[in-house]
Amino acid sequence: MSRIFTTSFASVYPHYVAKVERKGRTQAELDQVIEWLTGFDESALKDHLAAGTTFEDFFAEARLNPHASLITGVVCGVRVEEVEDPLMQKIRYLDKLVDELARGRSMDKVLRG
């Protein structure tokens, strides 16, 4: 089991926020990306952050977007579409979306519109 599975989502979320804000994007845009991927609205996301939910539990409760399989590319030298562990693949999907947002990609493309 990877250490990230038992890491709280709330401990990583500020790093996601800092990454996108450094590149001129907003926390609201990040939250929109997370909602698209997981189905968690603003209230549910805040609840998970306040509760210190682990990545494992966070994605266990998520309703993954049916278009998530359209997320392709490389994160940390690994192609997200080739990750075998389902939980790790979901985490990499999120990482890839955050990377795309931070790189200035349009929201329509990030959300596979």
N, C-alpha and C. Protein backbone atom coordinates (compact mmCIF):
# COMPACT_ATOMS: atom_id res chain seq x y z
N MET A 1 0.85 -1.18 0.00
CA MET A 1 0.00 0.00 0.00
C MET A 1 0.89 1.24 0.00
N SER A 2 0.57 2.15 -0.86
CA SER A 2 1.33 3.39 -0.95
C SER A 2 1.00 4.30 0.23
N ARG A 3 1.99 5.05 0.67
CA ARG A 3 1.80 5.97 1.78
C ARG A 3 0.76 7.04 1.47
N ILE A 4 0.64 7.41 0.20
CA ILE A 4 -0.32 8.47 -0.17
C ILE A 4 -1.75 8.04 0.14
N PHE A 5 -2.04 6.73 0.12
CA PHE A 5 -3.40 6.25 0.36
C PHE A 5 -3.89 6.65 1.75
N THR A 6 -2.99 6.67 2.72
CA THR A 6 -3.37 6.97 4.10
C THR A 6 -3.07 8.42 4.49
N THR A 7 -2.60 9.20 3.53
CA THR A 7 -2.36 10.63 3.74
C THR A 7 -3.70 11.35 3.66
N SER A 8 -3.89 12.34 4.51
CA SER A 8 -5.16 13.07 4.45
C SER A 8 -5.17 13.99 3.23
N PHE A 9 -6.32 14.03 2.59
CA PHE A 9 -6.51 14.91 1.44
C PHE A 9 -6.28 16.36 1.85
N ALA A 10 -6.69 16.70 3.07
CA ALA A 10 -6.54 18.07 3.57
C ALA A 10 -5.09 18.49 3.68
N SER A 11 -4.17 17.56 3.87
CA SER A 11 -2.76 17.92 3.98
C SER A 11 -2.13 18.22 2.62
N VAL A 12 -2.73 17.71 1.55
CA VAL A 12 -2.20 17.92 0.19
C VAL A 12 -2.92 19.07 -0.52
N TYR A 13 -4.17 19.28 -0.18
CA TYR A 13 -4.99 20.31 -0.83
C TYR A 13 -4.32 21.69 -0.84
N PRO A 14 -3.71 22.16 0.26
CA PRO A 14 -3.06 23.48 0.21
C PRO A 14 -1.92 23.54 -0.82
N HIS A 15 -1.28 22.41 -1.06
CA HIS A 15 -0.22 22.37 -2.08
C HIS A 15 -0.82 22.50 -3.49
N TYR A 16 -1.97 21.87 -3.70
CA TYR A 16 -2.68 22.03 -4.98
C TYR A 16 -3.05 23.50 -5.17
N VAL A 17 -3.61 24.11 -4.13
CA VAL A 17 -4.02 25.52 -4.20
C VAL A 17 -2.81 26.40 -4.51
N ALA A 18 -1.72 26.20 -3.79
CA ALA A 18 -0.52 27.01 -4.01
C ALA A 18 0.01 26.85 -5.43
N LYS A 19 -0.02 25.63 -5.93
CA LYS A 19 0.48 25.36 -7.29
C LYS A 19 -0.32 26.12 -8.34
N VAL A 20 -1.65 26.04 -8.25
CA VAL A 20 -2.45 26.70 -9.27
C VAL A 20 -2.42 28.22 -9.11
N GLU A 21 -2.38 28.71 -7.87
CA GLU A 21 -2.35 30.16 -7.66
C GLU A 21 -1.02 30.77 -8.11
N ARG A 22 0.06 30.03 -7.96
CA ARG A 22 1.37 30.50 -8.44
C ARG A 22 1.34 30.74 -9.95
N LYS A 23 0.49 29.98 -10.63
CA LYS A 23 0.41 30.07 -12.08
C LYS A 23 -0.76 30.93 -12.55
N GLY A 24 -1.36 31.70 -11.61
CA GLY A 24 -2.40 32.64 -12.00
C GLY A 24 -3.80 32.07 -12.06
N ARG A 25 -4.01 30.86 -11.56
CA ARG A 25 -5.35 30.28 -11.52
C ARG A 25 -5.91 30.46 -10.11
N THR A 26 -7.17 30.08 -9.90
CA THR A 26 -7.80 30.34 -8.61
C THR A 26 -8.17 29.05 -7.89
N GLN A 27 -8.40 29.21 -6.59
CA GLN A 27 -8.87 28.09 -5.79
C GLN A 27 -10.24 27.63 -6.27
N ALA A 28 -11.06 28.55 -6.71
CA ALA A 28 -12.39 28.21 -7.23
C ALA A 28 -12.27 27.30 -8.46
N GLU A 29 -11.31 27.61 -9.32
CA GLU A 29 -11.09 26.76 -10.50
C GLU A 29 -10.63 25.37 -10.07
N LEU A 30 -9.74 25.32 -9.09
CA LEU A 30 -9.28 24.03 -8.57
C LEU A 30 -10.46 23.24 -8.02
N ASP A 31 -11.31 23.89 -7.24
CA ASP A 31 -12.47 23.23 -6.67
C ASP A 31 -13.41 22.72 -7.76
N GLN A 32 -13.52 23.48 -8.83
CA GLN A 32 -14.36 23.06 -9.95
C GLN A 32 -13.79 21.79 -10.59
N VAL A 33 -12.48 21.72 -10.72
CA VAL A 33 -11.82 20.53 -11.28
C VAL A 33 -12.06 19.32 -10.36
N ILE A 34 -11.91 19.53 -9.06
CA ILE A 34 -12.12 18.44 -8.10
C ILE A 34 -13.58 17.98 -8.14
N GLU A 35 -14.51 18.93 -8.24
CA GLU A 35 -15.92 18.56 -8.34
C GLU A 35 -16.20 17.76 -9.60
N TRP A 36 -15.61 18.17 -10.71
CA TRP A 36 -15.81 17.45 -11.97
C TRP A 36 -15.33 16.01 -11.84
N LEU A 37 -14.16 15.82 -11.25
CA LEU A 37 -13.59 14.48 -11.14
C LEU A 37 -14.33 13.61 -10.13
N THR A 38 -14.66 14.17 -8.96
CA THR A 38 -15.15 13.36 -7.85
C THR A 38 -16.66 13.44 -7.62
N GLY A 39 -17.29 14.49 -8.11
CA GLY A 39 -18.70 14.70 -7.85
C GLY A 39 -18.98 15.42 -6.53
N PHE A 40 -17.92 15.77 -5.79
CA PHE A 40 -18.10 16.47 -4.52
C PHE A 40 -18.36 17.94 -4.77
N ASP A 41 -19.49 18.45 -4.29
CA ASP A 41 -19.75 19.88 -4.40
C ASP A 41 -18.94 20.62 -3.34
N GLU A 42 -19.09 21.93 -3.29
CA GLU A 42 -18.30 22.76 -2.36
C GLU A 42 -18.48 22.30 -0.91
N SER A 43 -19.70 22.02 -0.54
CA SER A 43 -20.00 21.60 0.83
C SER A 43 -19.33 20.26 1.17
N ALA A 44 -19.46 19.30 0.27
CA ALA A 44 -18.86 17.98 0.51
C ALA A 44 -17.34 18.08 0.56
N LEU A 45 -16.76 18.90 -0.31
CA LEU A 45 -15.31 19.09 -0.31
C LEU A 45 -14.85 19.68 1.02
N LYS A 46 -15.56 20.70 1.49
CA LYS A 46 -15.21 21.31 2.78
C LYS A 46 -15.32 20.30 3.92
N ASP A 47 -16.34 19.45 3.86
CA ASP A 47 -16.50 18.42 4.89
C ASP A 47 -15.32 17.46 4.91
N HIS A 48 -14.87 17.04 3.73
CA HIS A 48 -13.72 16.14 3.64
C HIS A 48 -12.45 16.82 4.15
N LEU A 49 -12.28 18.08 3.81
CA LEU A 49 -11.11 18.82 4.28
C LEU A 49 -11.13 18.96 5.80
N ALA A 50 -12.29 19.27 6.36
CA ALA A 50 -12.42 19.44 7.81
C ALA A 50 -12.23 18.12 8.55
N ALA A 51 -12.67 17.03 7.96
CA ALA A 51 -12.61 15.72 8.61
C ALA A 51 -11.23 15.07 8.50
N GLY A 52 -10.39 15.60 7.61
CA GLY A 52 -9.07 14.99 7.43
C GLY A 52 -9.15 13.64 6.72
N THR A 53 -10.10 13.49 5.84
CA THR A 53 -10.32 12.26 5.10
C THR A 53 -9.05 11.83 4.35
N THR A 54 -8.72 10.54 4.42
CA THR A 54 -7.56 10.02 3.68
C THR A 54 -7.90 9.97 2.19
N PHE A 55 -6.88 9.90 1.36
CA PHE A 55 -7.11 9.77 -0.08
C PHE A 55 -7.92 8.51 -0.37
N GLU A 56 -7.63 7.44 0.37
CA GLU A 56 -8.36 6.19 0.16
C GLU A 56 -9.85 6.38 0.40
N ASP A 57 -10.21 7.00 1.52
CA ASP A 57 -11.62 7.23 1.83
C ASP A 57 -12.24 8.30 0.94
N PHE A 58 -11.45 9.31 0.60
CA PHE A 58 -11.91 10.38 -0.28
C PHE A 58 -12.39 9.81 -1.61
N PHE A 59 -11.56 8.97 -2.22
CA PHE A 59 -11.94 8.42 -3.52
C PHE A 59 -12.94 7.27 -3.40
N ALA A 60 -12.98 6.63 -2.23
CA ALA A 60 -13.99 5.58 -2.02
C ALA A 60 -15.39 6.18 -2.03
N GLU A 61 -15.52 7.40 -1.54
CA GLU A 61 -16.82 8.07 -1.49
C GLU A 61 -17.13 8.86 -2.77
N ALA A 62 -16.14 9.05 -3.61
CA ALA A 62 -16.32 9.85 -4.83
C ALA A 62 -17.12 9.08 -5.88
N ARG A 63 -17.84 9.84 -6.69
CA ARG A 63 -18.49 9.30 -7.88
C ARG A 63 -17.64 9.78 -9.06
N LEU A 64 -16.68 8.97 -9.46
CA LEU A 64 -15.74 9.38 -10.49
C LEU A 64 -16.48 9.73 -11.78
N ASN A 65 -16.09 10.84 -12.38
CA ASN A 65 -16.71 11.30 -13.62
C ASN A 65 -16.56 10.21 -14.69
N PRO A 66 -17.63 9.93 -15.44
CA PRO A 66 -17.55 8.89 -16.48
C PRO A 66 -16.52 9.20 -17.57
N HIS A 67 -16.14 10.47 -17.69
CA HIS A 67 -15.16 10.85 -18.70
C HIS A 67 -13.72 10.87 -18.16
N ALA A 68 -13.54 10.41 -16.93
CA ALA A 68 -12.20 10.41 -16.33
C ALA A 68 -11.21 9.59 -17.14
N SER A 69 -11.70 8.57 -17.83
CA SER A 69 -10.80 7.74 -18.64
C SER A 69 -10.19 8.52 -19.81
N LEU A 70 -10.73 9.70 -20.10
CA LEU A 70 -10.17 10.54 -21.16
C LEU A 70 -8.91 11.28 -20.68
N ILE A 71 -8.63 11.22 -19.38
CA ILE A 71 -7.44 11.87 -18.83
C ILE A 71 -6.24 11.00 -19.16
N THR A 72 -5.35 11.54 -19.97
CA THR A 72 -4.15 10.80 -20.37
C THR A 72 -2.94 11.70 -20.19
N GLY A 73 -1.79 11.09 -20.21
CA GLY A 73 -0.56 11.85 -20.10
C GLY A 73 0.33 11.30 -19.00
N VAL A 74 1.38 12.05 -18.72
CA VAL A 74 2.40 11.59 -17.78
C VAL A 74 2.40 12.45 -16.52
N VAL A 75 2.43 11.79 -15.38
CA VAL A 75 2.60 12.45 -14.08
C VAL A 75 3.71 11.69 -13.36
N CYS A 76 4.73 12.42 -12.95
CA CYS A 76 5.87 11.80 -12.25
C CYS A 76 6.48 10.67 -13.07
N GLY A 77 6.53 10.84 -14.37
CA GLY A 77 7.16 9.86 -15.24
C GLY A 77 6.33 8.61 -15.52
N VAL A 78 5.07 8.61 -15.10
CA VAL A 78 4.20 7.45 -15.29
C VAL A 78 2.97 7.88 -16.07
N ARG A 79 2.61 7.11 -17.09
CA ARG A 79 1.40 7.40 -17.86
C ARG A 79 0.18 7.06 -17.01
N VAL A 80 -0.70 8.03 -16.80
CA VAL A 80 -1.85 7.82 -15.91
C VAL A 80 -2.77 6.72 -16.41
N GLU A 81 -2.87 6.57 -17.71
CA GLU A 81 -3.76 5.54 -18.26
C GLU A 81 -3.20 4.13 -18.08
N GLU A 82 -1.93 4.01 -17.69
CA GLU A 82 -1.31 2.70 -17.51
C GLU A 82 -1.14 2.32 -16.04
N VAL A 83 -1.57 3.17 -15.12
CA VAL A 83 -1.46 2.86 -13.69
C VAL A 83 -2.42 1.72 -13.38
N GLU A 84 -1.90 0.64 -12.78
CA GLU A 84 -2.71 -0.56 -12.56
C GLU A 84 -3.59 -0.48 -11.33
N ASP A 85 -3.11 0.12 -10.25
CA ASP A 85 -3.91 0.21 -9.03
C ASP A 85 -5.01 1.24 -9.23
N PRO A 86 -6.28 0.86 -9.07
CA PRO A 86 -7.39 1.80 -9.33
C PRO A 86 -7.33 3.06 -8.46
N LEU A 87 -6.98 2.93 -7.20
CA LEU A 87 -6.91 4.10 -6.33
C LEU A 87 -5.77 5.02 -6.75
N MET A 88 -4.62 4.45 -7.03
CA MET A 88 -3.48 5.27 -7.46
C MET A 88 -3.81 5.95 -8.78
N GLN A 89 -4.54 5.28 -9.65
CA GLN A 89 -4.91 5.91 -10.92
C GLN A 89 -5.82 7.12 -10.68
N LYS A 90 -6.74 7.02 -9.75
CA LYS A 90 -7.62 8.15 -9.44
C LYS A 90 -6.81 9.33 -8.88
N ILE A 91 -5.85 9.02 -8.02
CA ILE A 91 -5.00 10.07 -7.47
C ILE A 91 -4.19 10.71 -8.59
N ARG A 92 -3.68 9.92 -9.50
CA ARG A 92 -2.91 10.46 -10.64
C ARG A 92 -3.80 11.26 -11.58
N TYR A 93 -5.05 10.85 -11.74
CA TYR A 93 -5.99 11.65 -12.54
C TYR A 93 -6.08 13.05 -11.94
N LEU A 94 -6.25 13.12 -10.63
CA LEU A 94 -6.34 14.42 -9.96
C LEU A 94 -5.05 15.21 -10.15
N ASP A 95 -3.92 14.56 -9.97
CA ASP A 95 -2.63 15.24 -10.15
C ASP A 95 -2.51 15.80 -11.57
N LYS A 96 -2.92 15.01 -12.54
CA LYS A 96 -2.83 15.43 -13.95
C LYS A 96 -3.74 16.64 -14.21
N LEU A 97 -4.95 16.63 -13.66
CA LEU A 97 -5.85 17.76 -13.85
C LEU A 97 -5.30 19.02 -13.20
N VAL A 98 -4.72 18.87 -12.01
CA VAL A 98 -4.12 20.03 -11.33
C VAL A 98 -2.95 20.56 -12.17
N ASP A 99 -2.13 19.67 -12.71
CA ASP A 99 -1.02 20.09 -13.57
C ASP A 99 -1.52 20.86 -14.79
N GLU A 100 -2.56 20.34 -15.43
CA GLU A 100 -3.10 21.00 -16.62
C GLU A 100 -3.66 22.38 -16.27
N LEU A 101 -4.35 22.48 -15.15
CA LEU A 101 -4.89 23.76 -14.71
C LEU A 101 -3.75 24.74 -14.46
N ALA A 102 -2.72 24.29 -13.77
CA ALA A 102 -1.58 25.15 -13.46
C ALA A 102 -0.82 25.58 -14.71
N ARG A 103 -0.85 24.77 -15.74
CA ARG A 103 -0.14 25.11 -16.97
C ARG A 103 -0.92 26.08 -17.85
N GLY A 104 -2.12 26.45 -17.40
CA GLY A 104 -2.88 27.44 -18.15
C GLY A 104 -3.82 26.87 -19.19
N ARG A 105 -4.03 25.58 -19.17
CA ARG A 105 -4.95 24.97 -20.11
C ARG A 105 -6.36 25.49 -19.84
N SER A 106 -7.16 25.65 -20.87
CA SER A 106 -8.51 26.18 -20.69
C SER A 106 -9.35 25.18 -19.89
N MET A 107 -10.30 25.72 -19.12
CA MET A 107 -11.15 24.87 -18.28
C MET A 107 -11.91 23.86 -19.13
N ASP A 108 -12.34 24.26 -20.32
CA ASP A 108 -13.07 23.37 -21.21
C ASP A 108 -12.22 22.12 -21.51
N LYS A 109 -10.94 22.32 -21.76
CA LYS A 109 -10.06 21.20 -22.08
C LYS A 109 -9.71 20.40 -20.83
N VAL A 110 -9.47 21.09 -19.71
CA VAL A 110 -9.16 20.39 -18.46
C VAL A 110 -10.31 19.47 -18.08
N LEU A 111 -11.54 19.95 -18.25
CA LEU A 111 -12.73 19.19 -17.88
C LEU A 111 -13.22 18.29 -19.01
N ARG A 112 -12.39 18.12 -20.00
CA ARG A 112 -12.68 17.21 -21.12
C ARG A 112 -14.03 17.53 -21.77
N GLY A 113 -14.23 18.85 -21.99
CA GLY A 113 -15.50 19.32 -22.55
C GLY A 113 -15.59 19.18 -24.03
